[in-house]
Amino acid sequence: NRGSEELSRVINSHNDAIEYCYKKESKLNPNLKGDVQVEFTIGYNGRVKAVRIVRSSMRNKNVEKCITSRVRGWRFKPIDKSEGDVKVRQKYIFG
């Protein structure tokens, strides 16, 4: 089973990269703020198989595309194939 501690550790280790997605766009639009909820699926091998934006109050495709691109590259510890995939939702608040 994929533990919540490991999930939190990996997700939190990438906070700067996610923040960069927002900061890059906020330079062009200083009033940009809101939240983005992302859902991703982690395969047994530790690789992110699917990523999608579930909800976004920012409505900024550049930020959303950047976030999904970053999440797609995350790596988690592999688990036994019989454990299956794990779906995770994470919310980020900007501004």
PDB file of N, CA and C in Angstrom:
ATOM      1  N   ASN A   1       0.845  -1.193   0.000  1.00  0.00           N
ATOM      2  CA  ASN A   1       0.000   0.000   0.000  1.00  0.00           C
ATOM      3  C   ASN A   1       0.879   1.242   0.000  1.00  0.00           C
ATOM      4  N   ARG A   2       0.473   2.246  -0.734  1.00  0.00           N
ATOM      5  CA  ARG A   2       1.235   3.489  -0.825  1.00  0.00           C
ATOM      6  C   ARG A   2       0.857   4.363   0.355  1.00  0.00           C
ATOM      7  N   GLY A   3       1.819   4.645   1.219  1.00  0.00           N
ATOM      8  CA  GLY A   3       1.552   5.387   2.446  1.00  0.00           C
ATOM      9  C   GLY A   3       1.387   6.881   2.230  1.00  0.00           C
ATOM     10  N   SER A   4       0.585   7.485   3.091  1.00  0.00           N
ATOM     11  CA  SER A   4       0.339   8.923   2.978  1.00  0.00           C
ATOM     12  C   SER A   4       1.594   9.739   3.277  1.00  0.00           C
ATOM     13  N   GLU A   5       2.478   9.196   4.118  1.00  0.00           N
ATOM     14  CA  GLU A   5       3.729   9.913   4.412  1.00  0.00           C
ATOM     15  C   GLU A   5       4.586  10.046   3.163  1.00  0.00           C
ATOM     16  N   GLU A   6       4.703   8.959   2.412  1.00  0.00           N
ATOM     17  CA  GLU A   6       5.502   9.019   1.186  1.00  0.00           C
ATOM     18  C   GLU A   6       4.850   9.949   0.168  1.00  0.00           C
ATOM     19  N   LEU A   7       3.531   9.867   0.039  1.00  0.00           N
ATOM     20  CA  LEU A   7       2.831  10.752  -0.887  1.00  0.00           C
ATOM     21  C   LEU A   7       3.097  12.211  -0.530  1.00  0.00           C
ATOM     22  N   SER A   8       2.940  12.553   0.744  1.00  0.00           N
ATOM     23  CA  SER A   8       3.164  13.931   1.199  1.00  0.00           C
ATOM     24  C   SER A   8       4.604  14.366   0.963  1.00  0.00           C
ATOM     25  N   ARG A   9       5.545  13.471   1.235  1.00  0.00           N
ATOM     26  CA  ARG A   9       6.956  13.803   1.069  1.00  0.00           C
ATOM     27  C   ARG A   9       7.268  14.161  -0.378  1.00  0.00           C
ATOM     28  N   VAL A  10       6.817  13.347  -1.305  1.00  0.00           N
ATOM     29  CA  VAL A  10       7.099  13.594  -2.723  1.00  0.00           C
ATOM     30  C   VAL A  10       6.364  14.849  -3.198  1.00  0.00           C
ATOM     31  N   ILE A  11       5.089  14.975  -2.862  1.00  0.00           N
ATOM     32  CA  ILE A  11       4.311  16.141  -3.282  1.00  0.00           C
ATOM     33  C   ILE A  11       4.950  17.416  -2.742  1.00  0.00           C
ATOM     34  N   ASN A  12       5.274  17.435  -1.460  1.00  0.00           N
ATOM     35  CA  ASN A  12       5.856  18.639  -0.849  1.00  0.00           C
ATOM     36  C   ASN A  12       7.237  18.970  -1.409  1.00  0.00           C
ATOM     37  N   SER A  13       7.979  17.956  -1.837  1.00  0.00           N
ATOM     38  CA  SER A  13       9.311  18.208  -2.385  1.00  0.00           C
ATOM     39  C   SER A  13       9.240  18.955  -3.717  1.00  0.00           C
ATOM     40  N   HIS A  14       8.058  18.999  -4.323  1.00  0.00           N
ATOM     41  CA  HIS A  14       7.880  19.662  -5.620  1.00  0.00           C
ATOM     42  C   HIS A  14       7.110  20.980  -5.515  1.00  0.00           C
ATOM     43  N   ASN A  15       6.889  21.458  -4.301  1.00  0.00           N
ATOM     44  CA  ASN A  15       6.124  22.700  -4.123  1.00  0.00           C
ATOM     45  C   ASN A  15       6.751  23.883  -4.846  1.00  0.00           C
ATOM     46  N   ASP A  16       8.079  23.981  -4.838  1.00  0.00           N
ATOM     47  CA  ASP A  16       8.746  25.095  -5.514  1.00  0.00           C
ATOM     48  C   ASP A  16       8.475  25.082  -7.023  1.00  0.00           C
ATOM     49  N   ALA A  17       8.465  23.905  -7.618  1.00  0.00           N
ATOM     50  CA  ALA A  17       8.212  23.786  -9.054  1.00  0.00           C
ATOM     51  C   ALA A  17       6.780  24.191  -9.390  1.00  0.00           C
ATOM     52  N   ILE A  18       5.845  23.829  -8.530  1.00  0.00           N
ATOM     53  CA  ILE A  18       4.447  24.205  -8.744  1.00  0.00           C
ATOM     54  C   ILE A  18       4.286  25.714  -8.561  1.00  0.00           C
ATOM     55  N   GLU A  19       4.937  26.252  -7.548  1.00  0.00           N
ATOM     56  CA  GLU A  19       4.891  27.698  -7.296  1.00  0.00           C
ATOM     57  C   GLU A  19       5.469  28.468  -8.490  1.00  0.00           C
ATOM     58  N   TYR A  20       6.499  27.926  -9.110  1.00  0.00           N
ATOM     59  CA  TYR A  20       7.110  28.553 -10.287  1.00  0.00           C
ATOM     60  C   TYR A  20       6.076  28.719 -11.404  1.00  0.00           C
ATOM     61  N   CYS A  21       5.226  27.718 -11.591  1.00  0.00           N
ATOM     62  CA  CYS A  21       4.191  27.786 -12.626  1.00  0.00           C
ATOM     63  C   CYS A  21       3.313  29.021 -12.421  1.00  0.00           C
ATOM     64  N   TYR A  22       2.979  29.288 -11.177  1.00  0.00           N
ATOM     65  CA  TYR A  22       2.149  30.453 -10.855  1.00  0.00           C
ATOM     66  C   TYR A  22       2.943  31.755 -10.998  1.00  0.00           C
ATOM     67  N   LYS A  23       4.143  31.789 -10.430  1.00  0.00           N
ATOM     68  CA  LYS A  23       4.934  33.026 -10.431  1.00  0.00           C
ATOM     69  C   LYS A  23       5.262  33.498 -11.836  1.00  0.00           C
ATOM     70  N   LYS A  24       5.534  32.552 -12.721  1.00  0.00           N
ATOM     71  CA  LYS A  24       5.850  32.892 -14.109  1.00  0.00           C
ATOM     72  C   LYS A  24       4.683  33.640 -14.759  1.00  0.00           C
ATOM     73  N   GLU A  25       3.470  33.178 -14.550  1.00  0.00           N
ATOM     74  CA  GLU A  25       2.288  33.815 -15.136  1.00  0.00           C
ATOM     75  C   GLU A  25       1.884  35.080 -14.389  1.00  0.00           C
ATOM     76  N   SER A  26       2.139  35.118 -13.091  1.00  0.00           N
ATOM     77  CA  SER A  26       1.733  36.298 -12.308  1.00  0.00           C
ATOM     78  C   SER A  26       2.574  37.533 -12.672  1.00  0.00           C
ATOM     79  N   LYS A  27       3.727  37.314 -13.274  1.00  0.00           N
ATOM     80  CA  LYS A  27       4.523  38.451 -13.761  1.00  0.00           C
ATOM     81  C   LYS A  27       3.809  39.133 -14.926  1.00  0.00           C
ATOM     82  N   LEU A  28       3.092  38.352 -15.711  1.00  0.00           N
ATOM     83  CA  LEU A  28       2.337  38.892 -16.840  1.00  0.00           C
ATOM     84  C   LEU A  28       0.981  39.441 -16.401  1.00  0.00           C
ATOM     85  N   ASN A  29       0.442  38.852 -15.332  1.00  0.00           N
ATOM     86  CA  ASN A  29      -0.867  39.243 -14.818  1.00  0.00           C
ATOM     87  C   ASN A  29      -0.779  39.356 -13.292  1.00  0.00           C
ATOM     88  N   PRO A  30      -0.420  40.537 -12.765  1.00  0.00           N
ATOM     89  CA  PRO A  30      -0.224  40.711 -11.325  1.00  0.00           C
ATOM     90  C   PRO A  30      -1.471  40.437 -10.485  1.00  0.00           C
ATOM     91  N   ASN A  31      -2.659  40.451 -11.097  1.00  0.00           N
ATOM     92  CA  ASN A  31      -3.899  40.186 -10.361  1.00  0.00           C
ATOM     93  C   ASN A  31      -4.263  38.708 -10.337  1.00  0.00           C
ATOM     94  N   LEU A  32      -3.426  37.875 -10.905  1.00  0.00           N
ATOM     95  CA  LEU A  32      -3.708  36.444 -10.990  1.00  0.00           C
ATOM     96  C   LEU A  32      -3.700  35.819  -9.603  1.00  0.00           C
ATOM     97  N   LYS A  33      -4.798  35.142  -9.264  1.00  0.00           N
ATOM     98  CA  LYS A  33      -4.869  34.417  -7.995  1.00  0.00           C
ATOM     99  C   LYS A  33      -5.972  33.380  -8.098  1.00  0.00           C
ATOM    100  N   GLY A  34      -5.987  32.476  -7.153  1.00  0.00           N
ATOM    101  CA  GLY A  34      -7.014  31.442  -7.149  1.00  0.00           C
ATOM    102  C   GLY A  34      -6.438  30.115  -6.726  1.00  0.00           C
ATOM    103  N   ASP A  35      -7.214  29.065  -6.966  1.00  0.00           N
ATOM    104  CA  ASP A  35      -6.751  27.734  -6.590  1.00  0.00           C
ATOM    105  C   ASP A  35      -6.908  26.773  -7.762  1.00  0.00           C
ATOM    106  N   VAL A  36      -6.084  25.740  -7.706  1.00  0.00           N
ATOM    107  CA  VAL A  36      -6.095  24.701  -8.727  1.00  0.00           C
ATOM    108  C   VAL A  36      -6.087  23.359  -8.013  1.00  0.00           C
ATOM    109  N   GLN A  37      -7.031  22.493  -8.379  1.00  0.00           N
ATOM    110  CA  GLN A  37      -7.054  21.145  -7.816  1.00  0.00           C
ATOM    111  C   GLN A  37      -6.670  20.176  -8.925  1.00  0.00           C
ATOM    112  N   VAL A  38      -5.628  19.418  -8.658  1.00  0.00           N
ATOM    113  CA  VAL A  38      -5.104  18.476  -9.647  1.00  0.00           C
ATOM    114  C   VAL A  38      -5.308  17.052  -9.143  1.00  0.00           C
ATOM    115  N   GLU A  39      -5.652  16.162 -10.061  1.00  0.00           N
ATOM    116  CA  GLU A  39      -5.804  14.745  -9.732  1.00  0.00           C
ATOM    117  C   GLU A  39      -4.805  13.970 -10.577  1.00  0.00           C
ATOM    118  N   PHE A  40      -4.094  13.043  -9.935  1.00  0.00           N
ATOM    119  CA  PHE A  40      -3.148  12.230 -10.690  1.00  0.00           C
ATOM    120  C   PHE A  40      -3.186  10.788 -10.207  1.00  0.00           C
ATOM    121  N   THR A  41      -2.823   9.899 -11.118  1.00  0.00           N
ATOM    122  CA  THR A  41      -2.822   8.467 -10.837  1.00  0.00           C
ATOM    123  C   THR A  41      -1.385   7.964 -10.854  1.00  0.00           C
ATOM    124  N   ILE A  42      -1.018   7.272  -9.777  1.00  0.00           N
ATOM    125  CA  ILE A  42       0.330   6.714  -9.655  1.00  0.00           C
ATOM    126  C   ILE A  42       0.237   5.213  -9.905  1.00  0.00           C
ATOM    127  N   GLY A  43       1.024   4.740 -10.848  1.00  0.00           N
ATOM    128  CA  GLY A  43       1.065   3.319 -11.144  1.00  0.00           C
ATOM    129  C   GLY A  43       1.916   2.572 -10.117  1.00  0.00           C
ATOM    130  N   TYR A  44       1.823   1.252 -10.130  1.00  0.00           N
ATOM    131  CA  TYR A  44       2.591   0.427  -9.193  1.00  0.00           C
ATOM    132  C   TYR A  44       4.097   0.674  -9.301  1.00  0.00           C
ATOM    133  N   ASN A  45       4.551   1.097 -10.502  1.00  0.00           N
ATOM    134  CA  ASN A  45       5.985   1.316 -10.723  1.00  0.00           C
ATOM    135  C   ASN A  45       6.478   2.663 -10.198  1.00  0.00           C
ATOM    136  N   GLY A  46       5.557   3.463  -9.637  1.00  0.00           N
ATOM    137  CA  GLY A  46       5.929   4.749  -9.062  1.00  0.00           C
ATOM    138  C   GLY A  46       5.837   5.921 -10.019  1.00  0.00           C
ATOM    139  N   ARG A  47       5.482   5.641 -11.250  1.00  0.00           N
ATOM    140  CA  ARG A  47       5.361   6.712 -12.237  1.00  0.00           C
ATOM    141  C   ARG A  47       3.930   7.237 -12.295  1.00  0.00           C
ATOM    142  N   VAL A  48       3.803   8.526 -12.567  1.00  0.00           N
ATOM    143  CA  VAL A  48       2.489   9.134 -12.713  1.00  0.00           C
ATOM    144  C   VAL A  48       1.943   8.762 -14.092  1.00  0.00           C
ATOM    145  N   LYS A  49       0.792   8.089 -14.101  1.00  0.00           N
ATOM    146  CA  LYS A  49       0.202   7.592 -15.342  1.00  0.00           C
ATOM    147  C   LYS A  49      -0.737   8.590 -15.994  1.00  0.00           C
ATOM    148  N   ALA A  50      -1.426   9.368 -15.179  1.00  0.00           N
ATOM    149  CA  ALA A  50      -2.418  10.303 -15.707  1.00  0.00           C
ATOM    150  C   ALA A  50      -2.498  11.515 -14.791  1.00  0.00           C
ATOM    151  N   VAL A  51      -2.717  12.680 -15.383  1.00  0.00           N
ATOM    152  CA  VAL A  51      -2.846  13.927 -14.629  1.00  0.00           C
ATOM    153  C   VAL A  51      -3.965  14.746 -15.267  1.00  0.00           C
ATOM    154  N   ARG A  52      -4.796  15.339 -14.423  1.00  0.00           N
ATOM    155  CA  ARG A  52      -5.815  16.252 -14.958  1.00  0.00           C
ATOM    156  C   ARG A  52      -6.153  17.309 -13.922  1.00  0.00           C
ATOM    157  N   ILE A  53      -6.548  18.461 -14.403  1.00  0.00           N
ATOM    158  CA  ILE A  53      -7.017  19.526 -13.532  1.00  0.00           C
ATOM    159  C   ILE A  53      -8.496  19.247 -13.273  1.00  0.00           C
ATOM    160  N   VAL A  54      -8.844  19.069 -12.000  1.00  0.00           N
ATOM    161  CA  VAL A  54     -10.215  18.762 -11.627  1.00  0.00           C
ATOM    162  C   VAL A  54     -11.028  20.054 -11.504  1.00  0.00           C
ATOM    163  N   ARG A  55     -10.397  21.074 -10.929  1.00  0.00           N
ATOM    164  CA  ARG A  55     -11.071  22.356 -10.741  1.00  0.00           C
ATOM    165  C   ARG A  55     -10.036  23.464 -10.699  1.00  0.00           C
ATOM    166  N   SER A  56     -10.380  24.612 -11.267  1.00  0.00           N
ATOM    167  CA  SER A  56      -9.479  25.750 -11.237  1.00  0.00           C
ATOM    168  C   SER A  56     -10.279  27.039 -11.211  1.00  0.00           C
ATOM    169  N   SER A  57     -10.060  27.837 -10.167  1.00  0.00           N
ATOM    170  CA  SER A  57     -10.706  29.148 -10.126  1.00  0.00           C
ATOM    171  C   SER A  57      -9.839  30.194 -10.837  1.00  0.00           C
ATOM    172  N   MET A  58      -8.622  29.812 -11.195  1.00  0.00           N
ATOM    173  CA  MET A  58      -7.717  30.735 -11.890  1.00  0.00           C
ATOM    174  C   MET A  58      -8.084  30.875 -13.358  1.00  0.00           C
ATOM    175  N   ARG A  59      -8.517  29.783 -13.947  1.00  0.00           N
ATOM    176  CA  ARG A  59      -8.846  29.734 -15.363  1.00  0.00           C
ATOM    177  C   ARG A  59      -7.704  30.284 -16.217  1.00  0.00           C
ATOM    178  N   ASN A  60      -6.526  29.770 -15.934  1.00  0.00           N
ATOM    179  CA  ASN A  60      -5.339  30.183 -16.679  1.00  0.00           C
ATOM    180  C   ASN A  60      -4.694  28.924 -17.253  1.00  0.00           C
ATOM    181  N   LYS A  61      -4.857  28.729 -18.544  1.00  0.00           N
ATOM    182  CA  LYS A  61      -4.376  27.502 -19.196  1.00  0.00           C
ATOM    183  C   LYS A  61      -2.866  27.328 -19.068  1.00  0.00           C
ATOM    184  N   ASN A  62      -2.105  28.411 -19.054  1.00  0.00           N
ATOM    185  CA  ASN A  62      -0.653  28.291 -18.941  1.00  0.00           C
ATOM    186  C   ASN A  62      -0.235  27.736 -17.589  1.00  0.00           C
ATOM    187  N   VAL A  63      -0.867  28.216 -16.520  1.00  0.00           N
ATOM    188  CA  VAL A  63      -0.562  27.695 -15.183  1.00  0.00           C
ATOM    189  C   VAL A  63      -0.988  26.233 -15.094  1.00  0.00           C
ATOM    190  N   GLU A  64      -2.184  25.934 -15.570  1.00  0.00           N
ATOM    191  CA  GLU A  64      -2.704  24.565 -15.498  1.00  0.00           C
ATOM    192  C   GLU A  64      -1.835  23.593 -16.304  1.00  0.00           C
ATOM    193  N   LYS A  65      -1.442  24.000 -17.495  1.00  0.00           N
ATOM    194  CA  LYS A  65      -0.592  23.153 -18.345  1.00  0.00           C
ATOM    195  C   LYS A  65       0.770  22.926 -17.686  1.00  0.00           C
ATOM    196  N   CYS A  66       1.333  23.970 -17.108  1.00  0.00           N
ATOM    197  CA  CYS A  66       2.617  23.863 -16.418  1.00  0.00           C
ATOM    198  C   CYS A  66       2.523  22.888 -15.243  1.00  0.00           C
ATOM    199  N   ILE A  67       1.452  23.018 -14.451  1.00  0.00           N
ATOM    200  CA  ILE A  67       1.278  22.132 -13.290  1.00  0.00           C
ATOM    201  C   ILE A  67       1.152  20.681 -13.731  1.00  0.00           C
ATOM    202  N   THR A  68       0.311  20.407 -14.730  1.00  0.00           N
ATOM    203  CA  THR A  68       0.145  19.016 -15.166  1.00  0.00           C
ATOM    204  C   THR A  68       1.451  18.458 -15.728  1.00  0.00           C
ATOM    205  N   SER A  69       2.198  19.296 -16.415  1.00  0.00           N
ATOM    206  CA  SER A  69       3.491  18.863 -16.950  1.00  0.00           C
ATOM    207  C   SER A  69       4.464  18.499 -15.830  1.00  0.00           C
ATOM    208  N   ARG A  70       4.511  19.320 -14.799  1.00  0.00           N
ATOM    209  CA  ARG A  70       5.403  19.048 -13.665  1.00  0.00           C
ATOM    210  C   ARG A  70       4.997  17.771 -12.940  1.00  0.00           C
ATOM    211  N   VAL A  71       3.703  17.626 -12.658  1.00  0.00           N
ATOM    212  CA  VAL A  71       3.219  16.453 -11.915  1.00  0.00           C
ATOM    213  C   VAL A  71       3.512  15.171 -12.690  1.00  0.00           C
ATOM    214  N   ARG A  72       3.377  15.224 -14.000  1.00  0.00           N
ATOM    215  CA  ARG A  72       3.618  14.039 -14.835  1.00  0.00           C
ATOM    216  C   ARG A  72       5.026  13.476 -14.642  1.00  0.00           C
ATOM    217  N   GLY A  73       5.971  14.325 -14.270  1.00  0.00           N
ATOM    218  CA  GLY A  73       7.353  13.885 -14.091  1.00  0.00           C
ATOM    219  C   GLY A  73       7.700  13.391 -12.694  1.00  0.00           C
ATOM    220  N   TRP A  74       6.766  13.465 -11.772  1.00  0.00           N
ATOM    221  CA  TRP A  74       7.054  13.020 -10.403  1.00  0.00           C
ATOM    222  C   TRP A  74       7.257  11.510 -10.345  1.00  0.00           C
ATOM    223  N   ARG A  75       8.104  11.098  -9.404  1.00  0.00           N
ATOM    224  CA  ARG A  75       8.373   9.667  -9.208  1.00  0.00           C
ATOM    225  C   ARG A  75       8.181   9.299  -7.745  1.00  0.00           C
ATOM    226  N   PHE A  76       7.495   8.191  -7.539  1.00  0.00           N
ATOM    227  CA  PHE A  76       7.248   7.650  -6.210  1.00  0.00           C
ATOM    228  C   PHE A  76       7.909   6.287  -6.114  1.00  0.00           C
ATOM    229  N   LYS A  77       8.029   5.776  -4.900  1.00  0.00           N
ATOM    230  CA  LYS A  77       8.614   4.443  -4.737  1.00  0.00           C
ATOM    231  C   LYS A  77       7.699   3.401  -5.377  1.00  0.00           C
ATOM    232  N   PRO A  78       8.283   2.446  -6.087  1.00  0.00           N
ATOM    233  CA  PRO A  78       7.467   1.365  -6.661  1.00  0.00           C
ATOM    234  C   PRO A  78       6.844   0.509  -5.557  1.00  0.00           C
ATOM    235  N   ILE A  79       5.685  -0.056  -5.856  1.00  0.00           N
ATOM    236  CA  ILE A  79       5.032  -0.985  -4.935  1.00  0.00           C
ATOM    237  C   ILE A  79       4.711  -2.260  -5.705  1.00  0.00           C
ATOM    238  N   ASP A  80       4.256  -3.267  -5.014  1.00  0.00           N
ATOM    239  CA  ASP A  80       3.905  -4.532  -5.648  1.00  0.00           C
ATOM    240  C   ASP A  80       2.777  -4.305  -6.662  1.00  0.00           C
ATOM    241  N   LYS A  81       2.895  -4.957  -7.799  1.00  0.00           N
ATOM    242  CA  LYS A  81       1.920  -4.790  -8.876  1.00  0.00           C
ATOM    243  C   LYS A  81       0.496  -5.102  -8.415  1.00  0.00           C
ATOM    244  N   SER A  82       0.364  -6.043  -7.490  1.00  0.00           N
ATOM    245  CA  SER A  82      -0.964  -6.435  -7.007  1.00  0.00           C
ATOM    246  C   SER A  82      -1.658  -5.323  -6.212  1.00  0.00           C
ATOM    247  N   GLU A  83      -0.892  -4.334  -5.769  1.00  0.00           N
ATOM    248  CA  GLU A  83      -1.474  -3.215  -5.014  1.00  0.00           C
ATOM    249  C   GLU A  83      -2.272  -2.277  -5.914  1.00  0.00           C
ATOM    250  N   GLY A  84      -1.959  -2.282  -7.206  1.00  0.00           N
ATOM    251  CA  GLY A  84      -2.701  -1.467  -8.156  1.00  0.00           C
ATOM    252  C   GLY A  84      -2.302   0.002  -8.153  1.00  0.00           C
ATOM    253  N   ASP A  85      -3.123   0.792  -8.810  1.00  0.00           N
ATOM    254  CA  ASP A  85      -2.871   2.228  -8.947  1.00  0.00           C
ATOM    255  C   ASP A  85      -3.438   2.994  -7.755  1.00  0.00           C
ATOM    256  N   VAL A  86      -2.903   4.186  -7.538  1.00  0.00           N
ATOM    257  CA  VAL A  86      -3.389   5.070  -6.482  1.00  0.00           C
ATOM    258  C   VAL A  86      -3.754   6.401  -7.121  1.00  0.00           C
ATOM    259  N   LYS A  87      -4.952   6.887  -6.808  1.00  0.00           N
ATOM    260  CA  LYS A  87      -5.407   8.186  -7.306  1.00  0.00           C
ATOM    261  C   LYS A  87      -5.270   9.200  -6.175  1.00  0.00           C
ATOM    262  N   VAL A  88      -4.701  10.377  -6.497  1.00  0.00           N
ATOM    263  CA  VAL A  88      -4.452  11.411  -5.500  1.00  0.00           C
ATOM    264  C   VAL A  88      -5.022  12.724  -5.999  1.00  0.00           C
ATOM    265  N   ARG A  89      -5.622  13.490  -5.101  1.00  0.00           N
ATOM    266  CA  ARG A  89      -6.045  14.866  -5.411  1.00  0.00           C
ATOM    267  C   ARG A  89      -5.286  15.813  -4.520  1.00  0.00           C
ATOM    268  N   GLN A  90      -4.780  16.879  -5.129  1.00  0.00           N
ATOM    269  CA  GLN A  90      -3.994  17.877  -4.395  1.00  0.00           C
ATOM    270  C   GLN A  90      -4.487  19.255  -4.800  1.00  0.00           C
ATOM    271  N   LYS A  91      -4.687  20.110  -3.820  1.00  0.00           N
ATOM    272  CA  LYS A  91      -5.141  21.481  -4.088  1.00  0.00           C
ATOM    273  C   LYS A  91      -4.030  22.457  -3.809  1.00  0.00           C
ATOM    274  N   TYR A  92      -3.847  23.402  -4.721  1.00  0.00           N
ATOM    275  CA  TYR A  92      -2.867  24.473  -4.562  1.00  0.00           C
ATOM    276  C   TYR A  92      -3.597  25.809  -4.579  1.00  0.00           C
ATOM    277  N   ILE A  93      -3.231  26.681  -3.653  1.00  0.00           N
ATOM    278  CA  ILE A  93      -3.837  28.009  -3.561  1.00  0.00           C
ATOM    279  C   ILE A  93      -2.739  29.038  -3.842  1.00  0.00           C
ATOM    280  N   PHE A  94      -3.035  29.948  -4.786  1.00  0.00           N
ATOM    281  CA  PHE A  94      -2.057  30.943  -5.206  1.00  0.00           C
ATOM    282  C   PHE A  94      -2.582  32.356  -4.984  1.00  0.00           C
ATOM    283  N   GLY A  95      -1.651  33.254  -4.685  1.00  0.00           N
ATOM    284  CA  GLY A  95      -1.981  34.663  -4.558  1.00  0.00           C
ATOM    285  C   GLY A  95      -2.414  34.985  -3.176  1.00  0.00           C
TER     286      GLY A  95
END
